[in-house]
């Protein structure tokens, strides 16, 4: 069981109930798939049906697992990672990475075999526009507000989109508002960024972020 510093009159350490550090990449998607189809055999069949809603969720699960594996490599560089961080509404942040270079909310997008193009403010997939950038920015702002409120100091959160299994990813902006990266580059790029947080703040943010009460 995980523990955090107590803030009551007794001091000491208190356990974190429902510690989010136990979550696996894609856990929220797994729950959604089970909700859509409780029967395990039918779930398997639906994953291969072109018209099945479960197939779309299953593709997303693959993307989150790929992204999660790359992000977990950051632990060798003094980072912490969390997955499937769920809000009270049921929505979730796919991944959080917390380390010397700051806090990053990572949204995994699997676009197998497709061409992804990112200009200054928008992403297209095979020429079709998406809301990926706006959604990622909104998610990062909301995460920043929650973490700042519970940490007691301002916590900036940068939005990241992890592109999984695309045929090609092109980023045209020199200073994009959202960091868009192929999943295979995540650990290398994030660990190479300039440090901005002292270690005590990194640890404090992680302890707050892993507590499910932060996201209610």
N, C-alpha and C. Protein backbone atom coordinates (compact mmCIF):
# COMPACT_ATOMS: atom_id res chain seq x y z
N UNK A 1 0.84 -1.20 0.00
CA UNK A 1 0.00 0.00 0.00
C UNK A 1 0.87 1.24 0.00
N UNK A 2 0.50 2.23 -0.80
CA UNK A 2 1.29 3.46 -0.88
C UNK A 2 0.95 4.38 0.29
N UNK A 3 1.88 5.26 0.62
CA UNK A 3 1.70 6.16 1.75
C UNK A 3 2.01 7.58 1.35
N UNK A 4 1.39 8.53 2.06
CA UNK A 4 1.69 9.94 1.87
C UNK A 4 1.79 10.60 3.23
N UNK A 5 2.42 11.78 3.27
CA UNK A 5 2.57 12.49 4.53
C UNK A 5 1.21 12.88 5.08
N UNK A 6 1.05 12.68 6.39
CA UNK A 6 -0.20 13.07 7.04
C UNK A 6 -0.24 14.55 7.31
N UNK A 7 -1.43 15.14 7.25
CA UNK A 7 -1.58 16.57 7.51
C UNK A 7 -2.46 16.83 8.72
N UNK A 8 -2.82 15.77 9.43
CA UNK A 8 -3.66 15.95 10.61
C UNK A 8 -2.81 16.19 11.84
N UNK A 9 -3.46 16.17 13.00
CA UNK A 9 -2.73 16.46 14.23
C UNK A 9 -1.75 15.36 14.59
N UNK A 10 -2.00 14.13 14.06
CA UNK A 10 -1.12 13.03 14.41
C UNK A 10 0.14 12.99 13.58
N UNK A 11 0.18 13.69 12.42
CA UNK A 11 1.37 13.65 11.57
C UNK A 11 1.59 12.26 11.02
N UNK A 12 2.85 11.91 10.77
CA UNK A 12 3.17 10.59 10.28
C UNK A 12 2.77 10.38 8.84
N UNK A 13 2.58 9.10 8.48
CA UNK A 13 2.26 8.74 7.12
C UNK A 13 0.89 8.09 7.06
N UNK A 14 0.14 8.40 6.03
CA UNK A 14 -1.19 7.85 5.85
C UNK A 14 -1.25 7.12 4.51
N UNK A 15 -2.00 5.99 4.45
CA UNK A 15 -2.07 5.26 3.18
C UNK A 15 -2.90 6.00 2.15
N UNK A 16 -2.53 5.85 0.89
CA UNK A 16 -3.32 6.39 -0.22
C UNK A 16 -4.28 5.30 -0.67
N UNK A 17 -5.56 5.54 -0.49
CA UNK A 17 -6.56 4.57 -0.92
C UNK A 17 -6.74 4.66 -2.44
N UNK A 18 -6.72 3.52 -3.12
CA UNK A 18 -6.90 3.52 -4.56
C UNK A 18 -5.73 4.13 -5.31
N UNK A 19 -4.51 3.92 -4.82
CA UNK A 19 -3.30 4.50 -5.39
C UNK A 19 -3.27 4.34 -6.91
N UNK A 20 -3.23 5.47 -7.64
CA UNK A 20 -3.24 5.43 -9.10
C UNK A 20 -1.94 4.90 -9.69
N UNK A 21 -0.89 4.80 -8.89
CA UNK A 21 0.36 4.24 -9.39
C UNK A 21 0.21 2.76 -9.75
N UNK A 22 -0.85 2.13 -9.28
CA UNK A 22 -1.09 0.72 -9.61
C UNK A 22 -1.73 0.54 -10.99
N UNK A 23 -2.24 1.63 -11.56
CA UNK A 23 -2.94 1.52 -12.85
C UNK A 23 -1.99 1.09 -13.97
N UNK A 24 -2.52 0.28 -14.87
CA UNK A 24 -1.79 -0.10 -16.07
C UNK A 24 -2.21 0.81 -17.23
N UNK A 25 -1.35 0.99 -18.23
CA UNK A 25 -1.78 1.75 -19.40
C UNK A 25 -3.03 1.13 -20.03
N UNK A 26 -4.04 1.97 -20.26
CA UNK A 26 -5.26 1.49 -20.90
C UNK A 26 -6.30 0.92 -19.96
N UNK A 27 -6.11 1.02 -18.66
CA UNK A 27 -7.08 0.42 -17.73
C UNK A 27 -8.48 1.01 -17.90
N UNK A 28 -8.58 2.29 -18.15
CA UNK A 28 -9.90 2.91 -18.34
C UNK A 28 -10.57 2.37 -19.60
N UNK A 29 -9.78 2.12 -20.64
CA UNK A 29 -10.33 1.56 -21.88
C UNK A 29 -10.79 0.12 -21.65
N UNK A 30 -10.02 -0.63 -20.89
CA UNK A 30 -10.43 -2.00 -20.58
C UNK A 30 -11.79 -2.02 -19.88
N UNK A 31 -11.97 -1.11 -18.93
CA UNK A 31 -13.26 -1.05 -18.23
C UNK A 31 -14.38 -0.72 -19.20
N UNK A 32 -14.13 0.20 -20.13
CA UNK A 32 -15.15 0.59 -21.10
C UNK A 32 -15.52 -0.60 -22.00
N UNK A 33 -14.52 -1.36 -22.44
CA UNK A 33 -14.79 -2.51 -23.30
C UNK A 33 -15.62 -3.55 -22.56
N UNK A 34 -15.29 -3.79 -21.30
CA UNK A 34 -16.07 -4.76 -20.51
C UNK A 34 -17.50 -4.28 -20.29
N UNK A 35 -17.64 -2.96 -20.15
CA UNK A 35 -18.98 -2.39 -19.98
C UNK A 35 -19.82 -2.57 -21.26
N UNK A 36 -19.19 -2.35 -22.41
CA UNK A 36 -19.91 -2.49 -23.68
C UNK A 36 -20.28 -3.94 -23.97
N UNK A 37 -19.38 -4.87 -23.60
CA UNK A 37 -19.65 -6.28 -23.86
C UNK A 37 -19.15 -7.12 -22.67
N UNK A 38 -20.06 -7.46 -21.74
CA UNK A 38 -19.65 -8.24 -20.56
C UNK A 38 -19.18 -9.65 -20.90
N UNK A 39 -19.64 -10.22 -22.01
CA UNK A 39 -19.28 -11.58 -22.37
C UNK A 39 -17.88 -11.62 -22.99
N UNK A 40 -16.98 -12.37 -22.36
CA UNK A 40 -15.59 -12.37 -22.79
C UNK A 40 -15.41 -12.91 -24.21
N UNK A 41 -16.14 -13.97 -24.58
CA UNK A 41 -16.01 -14.54 -25.91
C UNK A 41 -16.51 -13.58 -26.98
N UNK A 42 -17.61 -12.90 -26.68
CA UNK A 42 -18.14 -11.94 -27.64
C UNK A 42 -17.22 -10.73 -27.77
N UNK A 43 -16.54 -10.36 -26.70
CA UNK A 43 -15.59 -9.24 -26.78
C UNK A 43 -14.49 -9.55 -27.79
N UNK A 44 -14.00 -10.78 -27.76
CA UNK A 44 -12.95 -11.16 -28.69
C UNK A 44 -13.46 -11.08 -30.13
N UNK A 45 -14.66 -11.58 -30.36
CA UNK A 45 -15.22 -11.56 -31.72
C UNK A 45 -15.47 -10.12 -32.18
N UNK A 46 -15.97 -9.28 -31.27
CA UNK A 46 -16.28 -7.90 -31.64
C UNK A 46 -15.04 -7.09 -31.99
N UNK A 47 -13.90 -7.47 -31.47
CA UNK A 47 -12.67 -6.74 -31.78
C UNK A 47 -12.30 -6.86 -33.26
N UNK A 48 -12.83 -7.88 -33.94
CA UNK A 48 -12.49 -8.09 -35.35
C UNK A 48 -13.63 -7.70 -36.27
N UNK A 49 -14.73 -7.21 -35.68
CA UNK A 49 -15.87 -6.79 -36.49
C UNK A 49 -15.70 -5.33 -36.91
N UNK A 50 -15.78 -5.05 -38.20
CA UNK A 50 -15.53 -3.70 -38.71
C UNK A 50 -16.56 -2.70 -38.20
N UNK A 51 -17.77 -3.16 -37.89
CA UNK A 51 -18.84 -2.26 -37.47
C UNK A 51 -18.98 -2.18 -35.96
N UNK A 52 -18.10 -2.82 -35.23
CA UNK A 52 -18.22 -2.88 -33.78
C UNK A 52 -17.59 -1.66 -33.11
N UNK A 53 -18.29 -1.11 -32.14
CA UNK A 53 -17.74 -0.01 -31.34
C UNK A 53 -16.53 -0.50 -30.55
N UNK A 54 -16.57 -1.76 -30.18
CA UNK A 54 -15.47 -2.31 -29.39
C UNK A 54 -14.17 -2.30 -30.17
N UNK A 55 -14.25 -2.48 -31.49
CA UNK A 55 -13.02 -2.48 -32.29
C UNK A 55 -12.31 -1.14 -32.17
N UNK A 56 -13.05 -0.05 -32.19
CA UNK A 56 -12.45 1.27 -32.05
C UNK A 56 -11.77 1.42 -30.69
N UNK A 57 -12.45 0.97 -29.63
CA UNK A 57 -11.87 1.05 -28.29
C UNK A 57 -10.64 0.15 -28.19
N UNK A 58 -10.70 -1.02 -28.83
CA UNK A 58 -9.56 -1.94 -28.78
C UNK A 58 -8.34 -1.33 -29.47
N UNK A 59 -8.56 -0.61 -30.57
CA UNK A 59 -7.45 0.09 -31.23
C UNK A 59 -6.83 1.12 -30.28
N UNK A 60 -7.70 1.84 -29.57
CA UNK A 60 -7.20 2.82 -28.60
C UNK A 60 -6.40 2.17 -27.49
N UNK A 61 -6.84 0.97 -27.07
CA UNK A 61 -6.12 0.25 -26.02
C UNK A 61 -4.71 -0.11 -26.48
N UNK A 62 -4.57 -0.55 -27.72
CA UNK A 62 -3.24 -0.86 -28.26
C UNK A 62 -2.36 0.39 -28.21
N UNK A 63 -2.91 1.53 -28.62
CA UNK A 63 -2.15 2.77 -28.60
C UNK A 63 -1.69 3.15 -27.22
N UNK A 64 -2.56 3.02 -26.23
CA UNK A 64 -2.19 3.40 -24.86
C UNK A 64 -1.13 2.46 -24.29
N UNK A 65 -1.21 1.19 -24.65
CA UNK A 65 -0.20 0.25 -24.16
C UNK A 65 1.17 0.56 -24.77
N UNK A 66 1.20 0.89 -26.06
CA UNK A 66 2.46 1.24 -26.71
C UNK A 66 3.05 2.50 -26.08
N UNK A 67 2.20 3.52 -25.93
CA UNK A 67 2.65 4.78 -25.33
C UNK A 67 3.13 4.57 -23.90
N UNK A 68 2.37 3.79 -23.14
CA UNK A 68 2.72 3.55 -21.74
C UNK A 68 4.08 2.88 -21.59
N UNK A 69 4.37 1.92 -22.46
CA UNK A 69 5.67 1.24 -22.38
C UNK A 69 6.82 2.20 -22.63
N UNK A 70 6.66 3.12 -23.59
CA UNK A 70 7.71 4.10 -23.85
C UNK A 70 7.87 5.06 -22.67
N UNK A 71 6.77 5.53 -22.13
CA UNK A 71 6.83 6.48 -21.02
C UNK A 71 7.46 5.84 -19.77
N UNK A 72 7.19 4.58 -19.54
CA UNK A 72 7.73 3.94 -18.35
C UNK A 72 9.26 3.86 -18.39
N UNK A 73 9.85 4.00 -19.57
CA UNK A 73 11.32 4.04 -19.67
C UNK A 73 11.89 5.29 -19.01
N UNK A 74 11.04 6.32 -18.86
CA UNK A 74 11.51 7.56 -18.23
C UNK A 74 11.89 7.36 -16.77
N UNK A 75 11.43 6.29 -16.17
CA UNK A 75 11.75 6.04 -14.75
C UNK A 75 13.25 5.90 -14.54
N UNK A 76 13.97 5.51 -15.58
CA UNK A 76 15.43 5.40 -15.47
C UNK A 76 16.10 6.76 -15.48
N UNK A 77 15.33 7.82 -15.77
CA UNK A 77 15.87 9.18 -15.83
C UNK A 77 15.30 10.07 -14.72
N UNK A 78 14.77 9.47 -13.67
CA UNK A 78 14.26 10.24 -12.55
C UNK A 78 12.84 10.76 -12.71
N UNK A 79 12.07 10.14 -13.58
CA UNK A 79 10.69 10.54 -13.81
C UNK A 79 9.73 9.58 -13.14
N UNK A 80 8.49 10.07 -12.95
CA UNK A 80 7.38 9.23 -12.50
C UNK A 80 6.31 9.22 -13.60
N UNK A 81 5.63 8.10 -13.75
CA UNK A 81 4.55 8.02 -14.73
C UNK A 81 3.29 7.44 -14.09
N UNK A 82 2.15 7.93 -14.55
CA UNK A 82 0.84 7.42 -14.13
C UNK A 82 0.01 7.17 -15.38
N UNK A 83 -0.90 6.22 -15.29
CA UNK A 83 -1.73 5.87 -16.43
C UNK A 83 -3.20 5.81 -16.03
N UNK A 84 -4.08 6.09 -17.00
CA UNK A 84 -5.53 5.99 -16.79
C UNK A 84 -5.96 6.75 -15.54
N UNK A 85 -5.62 8.03 -15.50
CA UNK A 85 -5.97 8.89 -14.37
C UNK A 85 -7.40 9.38 -14.57
N UNK A 86 -8.31 8.88 -13.77
CA UNK A 86 -9.73 9.08 -14.05
C UNK A 86 -10.33 10.24 -13.26
N UNK A 87 -11.08 11.07 -13.98
CA UNK A 87 -11.86 12.14 -13.37
C UNK A 87 -13.18 11.57 -12.83
N UNK A 88 -13.83 12.34 -11.99
CA UNK A 88 -15.11 11.91 -11.43
C UNK A 88 -16.15 11.70 -12.52
N UNK A 89 -16.03 12.40 -13.63
CA UNK A 89 -16.98 12.28 -14.73
C UNK A 89 -16.88 10.95 -15.46
N UNK A 90 -15.77 10.22 -15.24
CA UNK A 90 -15.53 8.98 -15.96
C UNK A 90 -14.51 9.13 -17.07
N UNK A 91 -14.28 10.37 -17.54
CA UNK A 91 -13.22 10.62 -18.51
C UNK A 91 -11.87 10.41 -17.83
N UNK A 92 -10.83 10.20 -18.62
CA UNK A 92 -9.52 9.98 -18.00
C UNK A 92 -8.41 10.62 -18.82
N UNK A 93 -7.32 10.88 -18.13
CA UNK A 93 -6.07 11.31 -18.77
C UNK A 93 -5.31 10.03 -19.10
N UNK A 94 -4.97 9.83 -20.36
CA UNK A 94 -4.31 8.58 -20.74
C UNK A 94 -3.04 8.33 -19.93
N UNK A 95 -2.19 9.36 -19.83
CA UNK A 95 -0.91 9.21 -19.14
C UNK A 95 -0.48 10.56 -18.57
N UNK A 96 0.20 10.51 -17.44
CA UNK A 96 0.88 11.67 -16.88
C UNK A 96 2.36 11.33 -16.70
N UNK A 97 3.23 12.21 -17.13
CA UNK A 97 4.66 12.06 -16.91
C UNK A 97 5.13 13.24 -16.07
N UNK A 98 5.80 12.95 -14.97
CA UNK A 98 6.22 13.97 -14.02
C UNK A 98 7.72 13.81 -13.79
N UNK A 99 8.48 14.84 -14.13
CA UNK A 99 9.92 14.70 -14.00
C UNK A 99 10.63 16.03 -13.96
N UNK A 100 11.95 16.02 -14.08
CA UNK A 100 12.74 17.25 -13.99
C UNK A 100 12.32 18.32 -14.99
N UNK A 101 11.83 17.93 -16.16
CA UNK A 101 11.44 18.90 -17.19
C UNK A 101 10.01 19.38 -17.04
N UNK A 102 9.29 18.91 -16.02
CA UNK A 102 7.93 19.39 -15.79
C UNK A 102 6.90 18.27 -15.78
N UNK A 103 5.65 18.67 -15.96
CA UNK A 103 4.53 17.73 -15.94
C UNK A 103 3.89 17.73 -17.32
N UNK A 104 3.61 16.54 -17.84
CA UNK A 104 3.08 16.39 -19.18
C UNK A 104 1.85 15.48 -19.15
N UNK A 105 0.77 15.96 -19.76
CA UNK A 105 -0.44 15.16 -19.93
C UNK A 105 -0.41 14.60 -21.35
N UNK A 106 -0.30 13.28 -21.45
CA UNK A 106 -0.10 12.65 -22.76
C UNK A 106 -1.37 11.94 -23.22
N UNK A 107 -1.81 12.32 -24.40
CA UNK A 107 -2.99 11.72 -25.03
C UNK A 107 -2.51 10.80 -26.14
N UNK A 108 -2.84 9.53 -26.05
CA UNK A 108 -2.40 8.56 -27.05
C UNK A 108 -3.40 8.49 -28.20
N UNK A 109 -2.90 8.58 -29.44
CA UNK A 109 -3.74 8.49 -30.64
C UNK A 109 -3.13 7.48 -31.60
N UNK A 110 -3.86 6.40 -31.84
CA UNK A 110 -3.38 5.39 -32.78
C UNK A 110 -3.97 5.64 -34.16
N UNK A 111 -3.10 5.92 -35.12
CA UNK A 111 -3.52 6.16 -36.51
C UNK A 111 -2.71 5.23 -37.41
N UNK A 112 -3.01 3.96 -37.34
CA UNK A 112 -2.22 2.94 -38.03
C UNK A 112 -2.19 3.16 -39.54
N UNK A 113 -0.96 3.29 -40.06
CA UNK A 113 -0.75 3.40 -41.49
C UNK A 113 -1.18 4.72 -42.11
N UNK A 114 -1.52 5.71 -41.29
CA UNK A 114 -2.03 6.98 -41.82
C UNK A 114 -0.97 8.08 -41.75
N UNK A 115 -1.24 9.16 -42.48
CA UNK A 115 -0.32 10.30 -42.51
C UNK A 115 -0.86 11.39 -41.58
N UNK A 116 -0.05 11.75 -40.60
CA UNK A 116 -0.42 12.76 -39.60
C UNK A 116 0.38 14.02 -39.87
N UNK A 117 -0.31 15.15 -39.99
CA UNK A 117 0.33 16.43 -40.28
C UNK A 117 -0.11 17.44 -39.23
N UNK A 118 0.87 18.15 -38.65
CA UNK A 118 0.58 19.12 -37.60
C UNK A 118 1.15 20.48 -37.99
N UNK A 119 0.26 21.45 -38.18
CA UNK A 119 0.68 22.82 -38.45
C UNK A 119 0.76 23.60 -37.16
N UNK A 120 0.42 24.88 -37.20
CA UNK A 120 0.51 25.70 -35.99
C UNK A 120 -0.57 25.37 -34.97
N UNK A 121 -1.79 25.09 -35.44
CA UNK A 121 -2.91 24.97 -34.51
C UNK A 121 -3.79 23.74 -34.72
N UNK A 122 -3.51 22.93 -35.71
CA UNK A 122 -4.40 21.81 -36.00
C UNK A 122 -3.63 20.60 -36.50
N UNK A 123 -4.25 19.43 -36.30
CA UNK A 123 -3.71 18.17 -36.78
C UNK A 123 -4.68 17.60 -37.80
N UNK A 124 -4.13 17.13 -38.92
CA UNK A 124 -4.95 16.40 -39.88
C UNK A 124 -4.44 14.97 -39.96
N UNK A 125 -5.37 14.06 -40.23
CA UNK A 125 -5.05 12.64 -40.40
C UNK A 125 -5.55 12.23 -41.77
N UNK A 126 -4.62 11.89 -42.66
CA UNK A 126 -4.96 11.63 -44.07
C UNK A 126 -5.78 12.78 -44.66
N UNK A 127 -5.41 14.01 -44.27
CA UNK A 127 -6.05 15.21 -44.81
C UNK A 127 -7.31 15.65 -44.10
N UNK A 128 -7.84 14.84 -43.19
CA UNK A 128 -9.07 15.20 -42.46
C UNK A 128 -8.70 15.88 -41.15
N UNK A 129 -9.36 16.99 -40.86
CA UNK A 129 -9.06 17.74 -39.63
C UNK A 129 -9.54 16.98 -38.39
N UNK A 130 -8.89 17.24 -37.27
CA UNK A 130 -9.25 16.61 -36.00
C UNK A 130 -9.35 17.69 -34.91
N UNK A 131 -9.84 17.28 -33.74
CA UNK A 131 -9.88 18.17 -32.57
C UNK A 131 -8.80 17.79 -31.56
N UNK A 132 -7.80 17.06 -32.02
CA UNK A 132 -6.78 16.56 -31.10
C UNK A 132 -6.11 17.67 -30.30
N UNK A 133 -5.75 18.77 -30.98
CA UNK A 133 -5.00 19.83 -30.31
C UNK A 133 -5.84 20.52 -29.25
N UNK A 134 -7.05 20.92 -29.60
CA UNK A 134 -7.93 21.61 -28.65
C UNK A 134 -8.24 20.72 -27.46
N UNK A 135 -8.52 19.45 -27.71
CA UNK A 135 -8.85 18.53 -26.62
C UNK A 135 -7.66 18.34 -25.68
N UNK A 136 -6.47 18.24 -26.24
CA UNK A 136 -5.27 18.05 -25.41
C UNK A 136 -4.96 19.29 -24.58
N UNK A 137 -5.16 20.47 -25.17
CA UNK A 137 -4.93 21.71 -24.41
C UNK A 137 -5.91 21.83 -23.26
N UNK A 138 -7.17 21.51 -23.51
CA UNK A 138 -8.19 21.59 -22.45
C UNK A 138 -7.87 20.61 -21.32
N UNK A 139 -7.44 19.42 -21.67
CA UNK A 139 -7.10 18.41 -20.68
C UNK A 139 -5.93 18.86 -19.81
N UNK A 140 -4.91 19.45 -20.44
CA UNK A 140 -3.74 19.91 -19.69
C UNK A 140 -4.10 21.06 -18.75
N UNK A 141 -4.96 21.97 -19.21
CA UNK A 141 -5.38 23.08 -18.34
C UNK A 141 -6.12 22.55 -17.12
N UNK A 142 -7.00 21.61 -17.33
CA UNK A 142 -7.77 21.05 -16.22
C UNK A 142 -6.86 20.31 -15.24
N UNK A 143 -5.89 19.57 -15.76
CA UNK A 143 -4.94 18.87 -14.89
C UNK A 143 -4.10 19.86 -14.10
N UNK A 144 -3.69 20.95 -14.74
CA UNK A 144 -2.91 21.98 -14.06
C UNK A 144 -3.70 22.57 -12.89
N UNK A 145 -4.97 22.86 -13.10
CA UNK A 145 -5.81 23.41 -12.04
C UNK A 145 -5.93 22.45 -10.86
N UNK A 146 -6.15 21.17 -11.16
CA UNK A 146 -6.30 20.19 -10.09
C UNK A 146 -5.01 20.00 -9.29
N UNK A 147 -3.90 19.88 -9.98
CA UNK A 147 -2.63 19.68 -9.30
C UNK A 147 -2.22 20.92 -8.51
N UNK A 148 -2.42 22.10 -9.08
CA UNK A 148 -2.06 23.34 -8.38
C UNK A 148 -2.87 23.49 -7.10
N UNK A 149 -4.14 23.16 -7.18
CA UNK A 149 -5.02 23.29 -6.02
C UNK A 149 -4.57 22.37 -4.87
N UNK A 150 -4.17 21.18 -5.19
CA UNK A 150 -3.82 20.21 -4.15
C UNK A 150 -2.36 20.27 -3.73
N UNK A 151 -1.48 20.78 -4.61
CA UNK A 151 -0.07 20.90 -4.24
C UNK A 151 0.19 22.15 -3.40
N UNK A 152 -0.63 23.18 -3.60
CA UNK A 152 -0.41 24.43 -2.87
C UNK A 152 0.55 25.36 -3.58
N UNK A 153 0.95 25.03 -4.78
CA UNK A 153 1.76 25.92 -5.62
C UNK A 153 1.37 25.68 -7.07
N UNK A 154 1.74 26.63 -7.93
CA UNK A 154 1.33 26.54 -9.34
C UNK A 154 2.06 25.39 -10.03
N UNK A 155 1.29 24.55 -10.70
CA UNK A 155 1.84 23.42 -11.45
C UNK A 155 1.44 23.57 -12.91
N UNK A 156 2.40 23.82 -13.75
CA UNK A 156 2.14 23.92 -15.18
C UNK A 156 2.13 22.52 -15.79
N UNK A 157 1.16 22.26 -16.65
CA UNK A 157 1.06 20.96 -17.32
C UNK A 157 1.09 21.19 -18.83
N UNK A 158 1.99 20.53 -19.50
CA UNK A 158 2.11 20.70 -20.95
C UNK A 158 1.41 19.55 -21.68
N UNK A 159 0.59 19.86 -22.68
CA UNK A 159 -0.10 18.80 -23.42
C UNK A 159 0.81 18.13 -24.45
N UNK A 160 0.68 16.82 -24.55
CA UNK A 160 1.45 16.02 -25.51
C UNK A 160 0.50 15.06 -26.21
N UNK A 161 0.70 14.86 -27.50
CA UNK A 161 -0.03 13.83 -28.23
C UNK A 161 0.98 12.80 -28.72
N UNK A 162 0.76 11.57 -28.31
CA UNK A 162 1.59 10.46 -28.74
C UNK A 162 0.92 9.78 -29.93
N UNK A 163 1.57 9.81 -31.08
CA UNK A 163 1.02 9.23 -32.29
C UNK A 163 1.57 7.82 -32.47
N UNK A 164 0.67 6.85 -32.52
CA UNK A 164 1.07 5.44 -32.55
C UNK A 164 0.79 4.83 -33.91
N UNK A 165 1.81 4.16 -34.46
CA UNK A 165 1.70 3.33 -35.67
C UNK A 165 1.32 4.11 -36.93
N UNK A 166 1.55 5.41 -36.97
CA UNK A 166 1.29 6.20 -38.18
C UNK A 166 2.35 5.90 -39.23
N UNK A 167 1.97 6.03 -40.51
CA UNK A 167 2.93 5.85 -41.59
C UNK A 167 3.93 7.00 -41.61
N UNK A 168 3.46 8.21 -41.26
CA UNK A 168 4.32 9.38 -41.29
C UNK A 168 3.76 10.46 -40.36
N UNK A 169 4.63 11.11 -39.62
CA UNK A 169 4.24 12.22 -38.75
C UNK A 169 5.07 13.43 -39.14
N UNK A 170 4.40 14.52 -39.54
CA UNK A 170 5.08 15.75 -39.93
C UNK A 170 4.63 16.88 -39.02
N UNK A 171 5.60 17.58 -38.42
CA UNK A 171 5.30 18.72 -37.56
C UNK A 171 5.94 19.95 -38.20
N UNK A 172 5.11 20.92 -38.59
CA UNK A 172 5.58 22.10 -39.31
C UNK A 172 5.90 23.28 -38.39
N UNK A 173 5.27 23.33 -37.22
CA UNK A 173 5.44 24.48 -36.33
C UNK A 173 6.75 24.39 -35.57
N UNK A 174 7.46 25.51 -35.46
CA UNK A 174 8.73 25.54 -34.73
C UNK A 174 8.50 25.55 -33.22
N UNK A 175 7.39 26.13 -32.78
CA UNK A 175 7.07 26.20 -31.35
C UNK A 175 5.61 25.82 -31.15
N UNK A 176 5.27 24.55 -31.31
CA UNK A 176 3.86 24.13 -31.26
C UNK A 176 3.28 24.25 -29.85
N UNK A 177 2.01 24.66 -29.73
CA UNK A 177 1.38 24.73 -28.42
C UNK A 177 1.18 23.36 -27.78
N UNK A 178 1.11 22.33 -28.62
CA UNK A 178 1.02 20.95 -28.15
C UNK A 178 2.20 20.19 -28.74
N UNK A 179 2.88 19.42 -27.91
CA UNK A 179 4.00 18.62 -28.38
C UNK A 179 3.44 17.35 -29.02
N UNK A 180 3.69 17.16 -30.31
CA UNK A 180 3.20 16.00 -31.05
C UNK A 180 4.40 15.14 -31.45
N UNK A 181 4.39 13.87 -31.00
CA UNK A 181 5.54 13.00 -31.20
C UNK A 181 5.11 11.59 -31.57
N UNK A 182 5.87 10.92 -32.43
CA UNK A 182 5.67 9.47 -32.57
C UNK A 182 5.93 8.81 -31.22
N UNK A 183 5.17 7.80 -30.89
CA UNK A 183 5.31 7.17 -29.58
C UNK A 183 6.74 6.71 -29.31
N UNK A 184 7.42 6.25 -30.34
CA UNK A 184 8.79 5.76 -30.16
C UNK A 184 9.79 6.81 -29.75
N UNK A 185 9.43 8.08 -29.86
CA UNK A 185 10.36 9.17 -29.51
C UNK A 185 10.09 9.77 -28.12
N UNK A 186 9.03 9.34 -27.47
CA UNK A 186 8.59 10.01 -26.24
C UNK A 186 9.67 10.05 -25.17
N UNK A 187 10.22 8.90 -24.81
CA UNK A 187 11.18 8.87 -23.71
C UNK A 187 12.44 9.66 -24.03
N UNK A 188 12.90 9.56 -25.27
CA UNK A 188 14.11 10.29 -25.67
C UNK A 188 13.90 11.80 -25.62
N UNK A 189 12.78 12.27 -26.17
CA UNK A 189 12.53 13.71 -26.22
C UNK A 189 12.27 14.29 -24.83
N UNK A 190 11.41 13.66 -24.07
CA UNK A 190 11.07 14.22 -22.76
C UNK A 190 12.27 14.19 -21.82
N UNK A 191 13.03 13.13 -21.82
CA UNK A 191 14.20 13.07 -20.93
C UNK A 191 15.29 14.05 -21.35
N UNK A 192 15.25 14.51 -22.61
CA UNK A 192 16.26 15.44 -23.09
C UNK A 192 15.90 16.90 -22.91
N UNK A 193 14.69 17.19 -22.41
CA UNK A 193 14.27 18.58 -22.20
C UNK A 193 15.00 19.21 -21.02
N UNK A 194 15.11 20.52 -21.04
CA UNK A 194 15.80 21.25 -19.97
C UNK A 194 15.06 21.11 -18.65
N UNK A 195 15.75 20.75 -17.57
CA UNK A 195 15.09 20.64 -16.26
C UNK A 195 14.52 21.97 -15.80
N UNK A 196 13.32 21.93 -15.23
CA UNK A 196 12.66 23.14 -14.72
C UNK A 196 12.17 22.99 -13.29
N UNK A 197 12.13 21.75 -12.78
CA UNK A 197 11.58 21.50 -11.44
C UNK A 197 12.64 20.92 -10.52
N UNK A 198 12.73 21.42 -9.29
CA UNK A 198 13.61 20.78 -8.31
C UNK A 198 13.03 19.43 -7.90
N UNK A 199 13.88 18.54 -7.41
CA UNK A 199 13.45 17.17 -7.11
C UNK A 199 12.34 17.12 -6.07
N UNK A 200 12.38 18.02 -5.08
CA UNK A 200 11.34 17.97 -4.05
C UNK A 200 9.96 18.29 -4.63
N UNK A 201 9.91 19.19 -5.62
CA UNK A 201 8.62 19.48 -6.26
C UNK A 201 8.17 18.33 -7.14
N UNK A 202 9.10 17.67 -7.83
CA UNK A 202 8.75 16.50 -8.64
C UNK A 202 8.09 15.44 -7.76
N UNK A 203 8.69 15.17 -6.63
CA UNK A 203 8.14 14.15 -5.71
C UNK A 203 6.79 14.58 -5.16
N UNK A 204 6.68 15.84 -4.79
CA UNK A 204 5.41 16.33 -4.23
C UNK A 204 4.29 16.24 -5.27
N UNK A 205 4.55 16.66 -6.49
CA UNK A 205 3.52 16.60 -7.53
C UNK A 205 3.10 15.15 -7.78
N UNK A 206 4.07 14.25 -7.81
CA UNK A 206 3.75 12.84 -8.03
C UNK A 206 2.87 12.29 -6.93
N UNK A 207 3.20 12.60 -5.68
CA UNK A 207 2.40 12.09 -4.56
C UNK A 207 0.97 12.62 -4.62
N UNK A 208 0.81 13.87 -5.04
CA UNK A 208 -0.54 14.43 -5.18
C UNK A 208 -1.25 13.79 -6.37
N UNK A 209 -0.54 13.61 -7.47
CA UNK A 209 -1.15 13.09 -8.69
C UNK A 209 -1.61 11.64 -8.55
N UNK A 210 -0.92 10.86 -7.75
CA UNK A 210 -1.28 9.44 -7.61
C UNK A 210 -2.47 9.23 -6.67
N UNK A 211 -2.87 10.27 -5.98
CA UNK A 211 -4.01 10.20 -5.05
C UNK A 211 -5.30 10.46 -5.83
N UNK A 212 -6.23 9.51 -5.89
CA UNK A 212 -7.45 9.69 -6.68
C UNK A 212 -8.31 10.88 -6.22
N UNK A 213 -8.15 11.30 -4.97
CA UNK A 213 -8.93 12.44 -4.49
C UNK A 213 -8.59 13.73 -5.22
N UNK A 214 -7.38 13.80 -5.77
CA UNK A 214 -6.98 14.99 -6.53
C UNK A 214 -7.88 15.21 -7.74
N UNK A 215 -8.39 14.14 -8.31
CA UNK A 215 -9.11 14.22 -9.58
C UNK A 215 -10.62 14.18 -9.41
N UNK A 216 -11.10 14.28 -8.18
CA UNK A 216 -12.54 14.31 -7.93
C UNK A 216 -13.02 15.75 -7.84
